PDB file of N, CA and C in Angstrom:
ATOM      1  N   MET A   1      -8.664   3.858   2.628  1.00  0.00           N
ATOM      2  CA  MET A   1      -8.446   4.256   1.259  1.00  0.00           C
ATOM      3  C   MET A   1      -7.628   3.172   0.549  1.00  0.00           C
ATOM      4  N   LEU A   2      -8.065   2.770  -0.623  1.00  0.00           N
ATOM      5  CA  LEU A   2      -7.401   1.687  -1.339  1.00  0.00           C
ATOM      6  C   LEU A   2      -5.958   2.000  -1.702  1.00  0.00           C
ATOM      7  N   SER A   3      -5.664   3.231  -2.061  1.00  0.00           N
ATOM      8  CA  SER A   3      -4.304   3.580  -2.475  1.00  0.00           C
ATOM      9  C   SER A   3      -3.284   3.297  -1.384  1.00  0.00           C
ATOM     10  N   ALA A   4      -3.701   3.345  -0.134  1.00  0.00           N
ATOM     11  CA  ALA A   4      -2.791   3.069   0.973  1.00  0.00           C
ATOM     12  C   ALA A   4      -2.363   1.602   0.996  1.00  0.00           C
ATOM     13  N   ARG A   5      -3.146   0.718   0.357  1.00  0.00           N
ATOM     14  CA  ARG A   5      -2.842  -0.711   0.345  1.00  0.00           C
ATOM     15  C   ARG A   5      -2.101  -1.148  -0.916  1.00  0.00           C
ATOM     16  N   GLY A   6      -1.913  -0.243  -1.865  1.00  0.00           N
ATOM     17  CA  GLY A   6      -1.208  -0.603  -3.101  1.00  0.00           C
ATOM     18  C   GLY A   6      -2.006  -0.229  -4.332  1.00  0.00           C
ATOM     19  N   ASP A   7      -1.566  -0.738  -5.480  1.00  0.00           N
ATOM     20  CA  ASP A   7      -2.226  -0.440  -6.748  1.00  0.00           C
ATOM     21  C   ASP A   7      -3.598  -1.099  -6.819  1.00  0.00           C
ATOM     22  N   TRP A   8      -4.515  -0.461  -7.510  1.00  0.00           N
ATOM     23  CA  TRP A   8      -5.855  -1.003  -7.694  1.00  0.00           C
ATOM     24  C   TRP A   8      -6.447  -0.419  -8.971  1.00  0.00           C
ATOM     25  N   CYS A   9      -7.524  -1.019  -9.450  1.00  0.00           N
ATOM     26  CA  CYS A   9      -8.235  -0.467 -10.606  1.00  0.00           C
ATOM     27  C   CYS A   9      -9.724  -0.762 -10.456  1.00  0.00           C
ATOM     28  N   LEU A  10     -10.516   0.105 -11.014  1.00  0.00           N
ATOM     29  CA  LEU A  10     -11.966  -0.045 -11.026  1.00  0.00           C
ATOM     30  C   LEU A  10     -12.328  -0.834 -12.273  1.00  0.00           C
ATOM     31  N   ILE A  11     -13.191  -1.860 -12.123  1.00  0.00           N
ATOM     32  CA  ILE A  11     -13.601  -2.676 -13.261  1.00  0.00           C
ATOM     33  C   ILE A  11     -15.118  -2.787 -13.271  1.00  0.00           C
ATOM     34  N   GLY A  12     -15.646  -3.420 -14.280  1.00  0.00           N
ATOM     35  CA  GLY A  12     -17.078  -3.669 -14.345  1.00  0.00           C
ATOM     36  C   GLY A  12     -17.874  -2.446 -14.735  1.00  0.00           C
ATOM     37  N   GLY A  13     -19.139  -2.456 -14.352  1.00  0.00           N
ATOM     38  CA  GLY A  13     -20.068  -1.407 -14.749  1.00  0.00           C
ATOM     39  C   GLY A  13     -19.656  -0.010 -14.328  1.00  0.00           C
ATOM     40  N   LEU A  14     -19.095   0.143 -13.142  1.00  0.00           N
ATOM     41  CA  LEU A  14     -18.682   1.484 -12.714  1.00  0.00           C
ATOM     42  C   LEU A  14     -17.548   2.015 -13.572  1.00  0.00           C
ATOM     43  N   ALA A  15     -16.645   1.151 -13.992  1.00  0.00           N
ATOM     44  CA  ALA A  15     -15.568   1.586 -14.885  1.00  0.00           C
ATOM     45  C   ALA A  15     -16.150   1.988 -16.240  1.00  0.00           C
ATOM     46  N   VAL A  16     -17.091   1.216 -16.744  1.00  0.00           N
ATOM     47  CA  VAL A  16     -17.729   1.550 -18.023  1.00  0.00           C
ATOM     48  C   VAL A  16     -18.435   2.897 -17.918  1.00  0.00           C
ATOM     49  N   ASN A  17     -19.062   3.174 -16.782  1.00  0.00           N
ATOM     50  CA  ASN A  17     -19.756   4.446 -16.588  1.00  0.00           C
ATOM     51  C   ASN A  17     -18.835   5.651 -16.731  1.00  0.00           C
ATOM     52  N   CYS A  18     -17.542   5.463 -16.590  1.00  0.00           N
ATOM     53  CA  CYS A  18     -16.591   6.565 -16.775  1.00  0.00           C
ATOM     54  C   CYS A  18     -16.489   6.977 -18.237  1.00  0.00           C
ATOM     55  N   TYR A  19     -16.915   6.109 -19.156  1.00  0.00           N
ATOM     56  CA  TYR A  19     -16.731   6.355 -20.585  1.00  0.00           C
ATOM     57  C   TYR A  19     -18.023   6.484 -21.374  1.00  0.00           C
ATOM     58  N   VAL A  20     -19.130   5.991 -20.841  1.00  0.00           N
ATOM     59  CA  VAL A  20     -20.420   6.086 -21.520  1.00  0.00           C
ATOM     60  C   VAL A  20     -21.444   6.613 -20.526  1.00  0.00           C
ATOM     61  N   GLU A  21     -22.666   6.825 -20.999  1.00  0.00           N
ATOM     62  CA  GLU A  21     -23.709   7.335 -20.105  1.00  0.00           C
ATOM     63  C   GLU A  21     -23.904   6.373 -18.946  1.00  0.00           C
ATOM     64  N   PRO A  22     -23.831   6.880 -17.724  1.00  0.00           N
ATOM     65  CA  PRO A  22     -23.913   6.000 -16.546  1.00  0.00           C
ATOM     66  C   PRO A  22     -25.267   5.317 -16.406  1.00  0.00           C
ATOM     67  N   VAL A  23     -25.247   4.125 -15.838  1.00  0.00           N
ATOM     68  CA  VAL A  23     -26.462   3.422 -15.448  1.00  0.00           C
ATOM     69  C   VAL A  23     -26.358   3.102 -13.966  1.00  0.00           C
ATOM     70  N   TYR A  24     -27.483   2.885 -13.355  1.00  0.00           N
ATOM     71  CA  TYR A  24     -27.534   2.584 -11.930  1.00  0.00           C
ATOM     72  C   TYR A  24     -27.034   1.169 -11.679  1.00  0.00           C
ATOM     73  N   THR A  25     -26.269   0.969 -10.632  1.00  0.00           N
ATOM     74  CA  THR A  25     -25.775  -0.360 -10.286  1.00  0.00           C
ATOM     75  C   THR A  25     -25.804  -0.554  -8.772  1.00  0.00           C
ATOM     76  N   LEU A  26     -25.957  -1.795  -8.363  1.00  0.00           N
ATOM     77  CA  LEU A  26     -25.952  -2.122  -6.939  1.00  0.00           C
ATOM     78  C   LEU A  26     -24.644  -2.758  -6.494  1.00  0.00           C
ATOM     79  N   ASP A  27     -23.747  -3.018  -7.459  1.00  0.00           N
ATOM     80  CA  ASP A  27     -22.502  -3.683  -7.094  1.00  0.00           C
ATOM     81  C   ASP A  27     -21.302  -2.904  -7.615  1.00  0.00           C
ATOM     82  N   THR A  28     -20.166  -3.205  -7.065  1.00  0.00           N
ATOM     83  CA  THR A  28     -18.909  -2.611  -7.494  1.00  0.00           C
ATOM     84  C   THR A  28     -17.876  -3.714  -7.586  1.00  0.00           C
ATOM     85  N   ASP A  29     -17.149  -3.744  -8.696  1.00  0.00           N
ATOM     86  CA  ASP A  29     -16.066  -4.706  -8.875  1.00  0.00           C
ATOM     87  C   ASP A  29     -14.750  -3.949  -8.761  1.00  0.00           C
ATOM     88  N   ILE A  30     -13.874  -4.403  -7.892  1.00  0.00           N
ATOM     89  CA  ILE A  30     -12.564  -3.779  -7.712  1.00  0.00           C
ATOM     90  C   ILE A  30     -11.522  -4.883  -7.710  1.00  0.00           C
ATOM     91  N   VAL A  31     -10.445  -4.663  -8.440  1.00  0.00           N
ATOM     92  CA  VAL A  31      -9.338  -5.612  -8.434  1.00  0.00           C
ATOM     93  C   VAL A  31      -8.178  -4.965  -7.708  1.00  0.00           C
ATOM     94  N   VAL A  32      -7.650  -5.655  -6.730  1.00  0.00           N
ATOM     95  CA  VAL A  32      -6.468  -5.194  -6.015  1.00  0.00           C
ATOM     96  C   VAL A  32      -5.295  -6.020  -6.525  1.00  0.00           C
ATOM     97  N   ILE A  33      -4.268  -5.337  -7.009  1.00  0.00           N
ATOM     98  CA  ILE A  33      -3.107  -6.034  -7.548  1.00  0.00           C
ATOM     99  C   ILE A  33      -2.321  -6.650  -6.399  1.00  0.00           C
ATOM    100  N   SER A  34      -2.026  -7.935  -6.524  1.00  0.00           N
ATOM    101  CA  SER A  34      -1.360  -8.659  -5.455  1.00  0.00           C
ATOM    102  C   SER A  34      -0.515  -9.772  -6.049  1.00  0.00           C
ATOM    103  N   SER A  35       0.496 -10.186  -5.323  1.00  0.00           N
ATOM    104  CA  SER A  35       1.287 -11.326  -5.787  1.00  0.00           C
ATOM    105  C   SER A  35       0.512 -12.629  -5.597  1.00  0.00           C
ATOM    106  N   GLU A  36      -0.484 -12.616  -4.758  1.00  0.00           N
ATOM    107  CA  GLU A  36      -1.343 -13.776  -4.536  1.00  0.00           C
ATOM    108  C   GLU A  36      -2.734 -13.457  -5.050  1.00  0.00           C
ATOM    109  N   VAL A  37      -2.970 -13.818  -6.287  1.00  0.00           N
ATOM    110  CA  VAL A  37      -4.252 -13.496  -6.916  1.00  0.00           C
ATOM    111  C   VAL A  37      -5.209 -14.659  -6.717  1.00  0.00           C
ATOM    112  N   PRO A  38      -6.279 -14.428  -5.951  1.00  0.00           N
ATOM    113  CA  PRO A  38      -7.261 -15.519  -5.778  1.00  0.00           C
ATOM    114  C   PRO A  38      -8.083 -15.715  -7.044  1.00  0.00           C
ATOM    115  N   LYS A  39      -8.557 -16.922  -7.234  1.00  0.00           N
ATOM    116  CA  LYS A  39      -9.446 -17.166  -8.368  1.00  0.00           C
ATOM    117  C   LYS A  39     -10.810 -16.584  -8.029  1.00  0.00           C
ATOM    118  N   ILE A  40     -11.299 -15.745  -8.932  1.00  0.00           N
ATOM    119  CA  ILE A  40     -12.592 -15.093  -8.714  1.00  0.00           C
ATOM    120  C   ILE A  40     -13.596 -15.649  -9.721  1.00  0.00           C
ATOM    121  N   LYS A  41     -14.679 -16.189  -9.225  1.00  0.00           N
ATOM    122  CA  LYS A  41     -15.698 -16.751 -10.098  1.00  0.00           C
ATOM    123  C   LYS A  41     -16.677 -15.654 -10.489  1.00  0.00           C
ATOM    124  N   ARG A  42     -16.797 -15.412 -11.779  1.00  0.00           N
ATOM    125  CA  ARG A  42     -17.701 -14.371 -12.271  1.00  0.00           C
ATOM    126  C   ARG A  42     -19.027 -14.986 -12.695  1.00  0.00           C
ATOM    127  N   THR A  43     -20.094 -14.486 -12.160  1.00  0.00           N
ATOM    128  CA  THR A  43     -21.412 -15.006 -12.512  1.00  0.00           C
ATOM    129  C   THR A  43     -22.257 -13.961 -13.218  1.00  0.00           C
ATOM    130  N   LYS A  44     -21.643 -12.848 -13.574  1.00  0.00           N
ATOM    131  CA  LYS A  44     -22.391 -11.746 -14.167  1.00  0.00           C
ATOM    132  C   LYS A  44     -22.084 -11.587 -15.646  1.00  0.00           C
ATOM    133  N   ARG A  45     -21.918 -12.671 -16.356  1.00  0.00           N
ATOM    134  CA  ARG A  45     -21.495 -12.592 -17.760  1.00  0.00           C
ATOM    135  C   ARG A  45     -22.422 -11.714 -18.602  1.00  0.00           C
ATOM    136  N   LYS A  46     -23.704 -11.836 -18.438  1.00  0.00           N
ATOM    137  CA  LYS A  46     -24.640 -11.046 -19.246  1.00  0.00           C
ATOM    138  C   LYS A  46     -24.461  -9.551 -18.998  1.00  0.00           C
ATOM    139  N   LYS A  47     -24.266  -9.154 -17.756  1.00  0.00           N
ATOM    140  CA  LYS A  47     -24.048  -7.740 -17.471  1.00  0.00           C
ATOM    141  C   LYS A  47     -22.746  -7.271 -18.105  1.00  0.00           C
ATOM    142  N   ASP A  48     -21.720  -8.100 -18.040  1.00  0.00           N
ATOM    143  CA  ASP A  48     -20.447  -7.747 -18.667  1.00  0.00           C
ATOM    144  C   ASP A  48     -20.617  -7.577 -20.176  1.00  0.00           C
ATOM    145  N   GLU A  49     -21.406  -8.468 -20.783  1.00  0.00           N
ATOM    146  CA  GLU A  49     -21.663  -8.353 -22.219  1.00  0.00           C
ATOM    147  C   GLU A  49     -22.392  -7.054 -22.533  1.00  0.00           C
ATOM    148  N   LEU A  50     -23.361  -6.700 -21.709  1.00  0.00           N
ATOM    149  CA  LEU A  50     -24.086  -5.447 -21.929  1.00  0.00           C
ATOM    150  C   LEU A  50     -23.163  -4.239 -21.780  1.00  0.00           C
ATOM    151  N   ASP A  51     -22.222  -4.301 -20.847  1.00  0.00           N
ATOM    152  CA  ASP A  51     -21.251  -3.213 -20.700  1.00  0.00           C
ATOM    153  C   ASP A  51     -20.421  -3.064 -21.972  1.00  0.00           C
ATOM    154  N   LEU A  52     -19.990  -4.189 -22.548  1.00  0.00           N
ATOM    155  CA  LEU A  52     -19.229  -4.121 -23.801  1.00  0.00           C
ATOM    156  C   LEU A  52     -20.076  -3.551 -24.927  1.00  0.00           C
ATOM    157  N   MET A  53     -21.354  -3.913 -24.963  1.00  0.00           N
ATOM    158  CA  MET A  53     -22.253  -3.380 -25.985  1.00  0.00           C
ATOM    159  C   MET A  53     -22.429  -1.873 -25.829  1.00  0.00           C
ATOM    160  N   ARG A  54     -22.509  -1.398 -24.598  1.00  0.00           N
ATOM    161  CA  ARG A  54     -22.623   0.051 -24.353  1.00  0.00           C
ATOM    162  C   ARG A  54     -21.383   0.779 -24.859  1.00  0.00           C
ATOM    163  N   ILE A  55     -20.217   0.192 -24.612  1.00  0.00           N
ATOM    164  CA  ILE A  55     -18.979   0.808 -25.092  1.00  0.00           C
ATOM    165  C   ILE A  55     -18.978   0.845 -26.619  1.00  0.00           C
ATOM    166  N   LEU A  56     -19.361  -0.262 -27.253  1.00  0.00           N
ATOM    167  CA  LEU A  56     -19.369  -0.326 -28.714  1.00  0.00           C
ATOM    168  C   LEU A  56     -20.345   0.685 -29.319  1.00  0.00           C
ATOM    169  N   GLU A  57     -21.501   0.851 -28.701  1.00  0.00           N
ATOM    170  CA  GLU A  57     -22.458   1.839 -29.202  1.00  0.00           C
ATOM    171  C   GLU A  57     -21.886   3.257 -29.141  1.00  0.00           C
ATOM    172  N   LYS A  58     -21.194   3.571 -28.079  1.00  0.00           N
ATOM    173  CA  LYS A  58     -20.626   4.914 -27.893  1.00  0.00           C
ATOM    174  C   LYS A  58     -19.369   5.110 -28.732  1.00  0.00           C
ATOM    175  N   TYR A  59     -18.561   4.041 -28.876  1.00  0.00           N
ATOM    176  CA  TYR A  59     -17.284   4.122 -29.586  1.00  0.00           C
ATOM    177  C   TYR A  59     -17.239   3.045 -30.674  1.00  0.00           C
ATOM    178  N   PRO A  60     -17.906   3.274 -31.813  1.00  0.00           N
ATOM    179  CA  PRO A  60     -17.959   2.257 -32.865  1.00  0.00           C
ATOM    180  C   PRO A  60     -16.578   1.849 -33.387  1.00  0.00           C
ATOM    181  N   GLU A  61     -15.583   2.694 -33.199  1.00  0.00           N
ATOM    182  CA  GLU A  61     -14.231   2.366 -33.659  1.00  0.00           C
ATOM    183  C   GLU A  61     -13.613   1.203 -32.881  1.00  0.00           C
ATOM    184  N   THR A  62     -14.250   0.780 -31.791  1.00  0.00           N
ATOM    185  CA  THR A  62     -13.736  -0.348 -31.006  1.00  0.00           C
ATOM    186  C   THR A  62     -14.259  -1.693 -31.512  1.00  0.00           C
ATOM    187  N   ARG A  63     -15.066  -1.690 -32.570  1.00  0.00           N
ATOM    188  CA  ARG A  63     -15.699  -2.925 -33.068  1.00  0.00           C
ATOM    189  C   ARG A  63     -14.676  -4.044 -33.315  1.00  0.00           C
ATOM    190  N   ALA A  64     -13.536  -3.718 -33.907  1.00  0.00           N
ATOM    191  CA  ALA A  64     -12.538  -4.745 -34.213  1.00  0.00           C
ATOM    192  C   ALA A  64     -11.951  -5.381 -32.948  1.00  0.00           C
ATOM    193  N   MET A  65     -12.038  -4.703 -31.817  1.00  0.00           N
ATOM    194  CA  MET A  65     -11.500  -5.229 -30.564  1.00  0.00           C
ATOM    195  C   MET A  65     -12.522  -6.060 -29.791  1.00  0.00           C
ATOM    196  N   MET A  66     -13.781  -5.989 -30.199  1.00  0.00           N
ATOM    197  CA  MET A  66     -14.849  -6.672 -29.472  1.00  0.00           C
ATOM    198  C   MET A  66     -14.941  -8.137 -29.858  1.00  0.00           C
ATOM    199  N   PRO A  67     -15.347  -8.985 -28.917  1.00  0.00           N
ATOM    200  CA  PRO A  67     -15.620 -10.374 -29.271  1.00  0.00           C
ATOM    201  C   PRO A  67     -16.715 -10.421 -30.342  1.00  0.00           C
ATOM    202  N   GLU A  68     -16.618 -11.367 -31.249  1.00  0.00           N
ATOM    203  CA  GLU A  68     -17.564 -11.463 -32.358  1.00  0.00           C
ATOM    204  C   GLU A  68     -19.015 -11.523 -31.884  1.00  0.00           C
ATOM    205  N   GLU A  69     -19.261 -12.281 -30.809  1.00  0.00           N
ATOM    206  CA  GLU A  69     -20.646 -12.414 -30.316  1.00  0.00           C
ATOM    207  C   GLU A  69     -21.209 -11.102 -29.801  1.00  0.00           C
ATOM    208  N   ILE A  70     -20.352 -10.190 -29.380  1.00  0.00           N
ATOM    209  CA  ILE A  70     -20.802  -8.862 -28.947  1.00  0.00           C
ATOM    210  C   ILE A  70     -21.028  -7.978 -30.163  1.00  0.00           C
ATOM    211  N   ALA A  71     -20.044  -7.946 -31.071  1.00  0.00           N
ATOM    212  CA  ALA A  71     -20.102  -7.074 -32.240  1.00  0.00           C
ATOM    213  C   ALA A  71     -21.328  -7.365 -33.108  1.00  0.00           C
ATOM    214  N   LYS A  72     -21.706  -8.640 -33.243  1.00  0.00           N
ATOM    215  CA  LYS A  72     -22.851  -8.958 -34.114  1.00  0.00           C
ATOM    216  C   LYS A  72     -24.188  -8.537 -33.508  1.00  0.00           C
ATOM    217  N   GLN A  73     -24.216  -8.223 -32.222  1.00  0.00           N
ATOM    218  CA  GLN A  73     -25.465  -7.795 -31.577  1.00  0.00           C
ATOM    219  C   GLN A  73     -25.673  -6.292 -31.637  1.00  0.00           C
ATOM    220  N   VAL A  74     -24.637  -5.552 -32.038  1.00  0.00           N
ATOM    221  CA  VAL A  74     -24.732  -4.092 -32.095  1.00  0.00           C
ATOM    222  C   VAL A  74     -24.645  -3.668 -33.556  1.00  0.00           C
ATOM    223  N   PRO A  75     -25.729  -3.093 -34.109  1.00  0.00           N
ATOM    224  CA  PRO A  75     -25.723  -2.688 -35.524  1.00  0.00           C
ATOM    225  C   PRO A  75     -24.702  -1.603 -35.823  1.00  0.00           C
TER     226      PRO A  75
END
């Protein structure tokens, strides 16, 4: 169990699914808080952008917090 190892948080698509209609995913992103944070290379930028777009569609009041390139893609 992750809690036994310290603080953690769910990120990525599974975290977004907690707030908008869920979609199927094959991966899970988890960040474990540590004093030694390794550099993590993210190669899923498009999926991350789509997650932000899903949030914006569900919660239009978040538009001002979204990156401009995301906000302009969601009417």
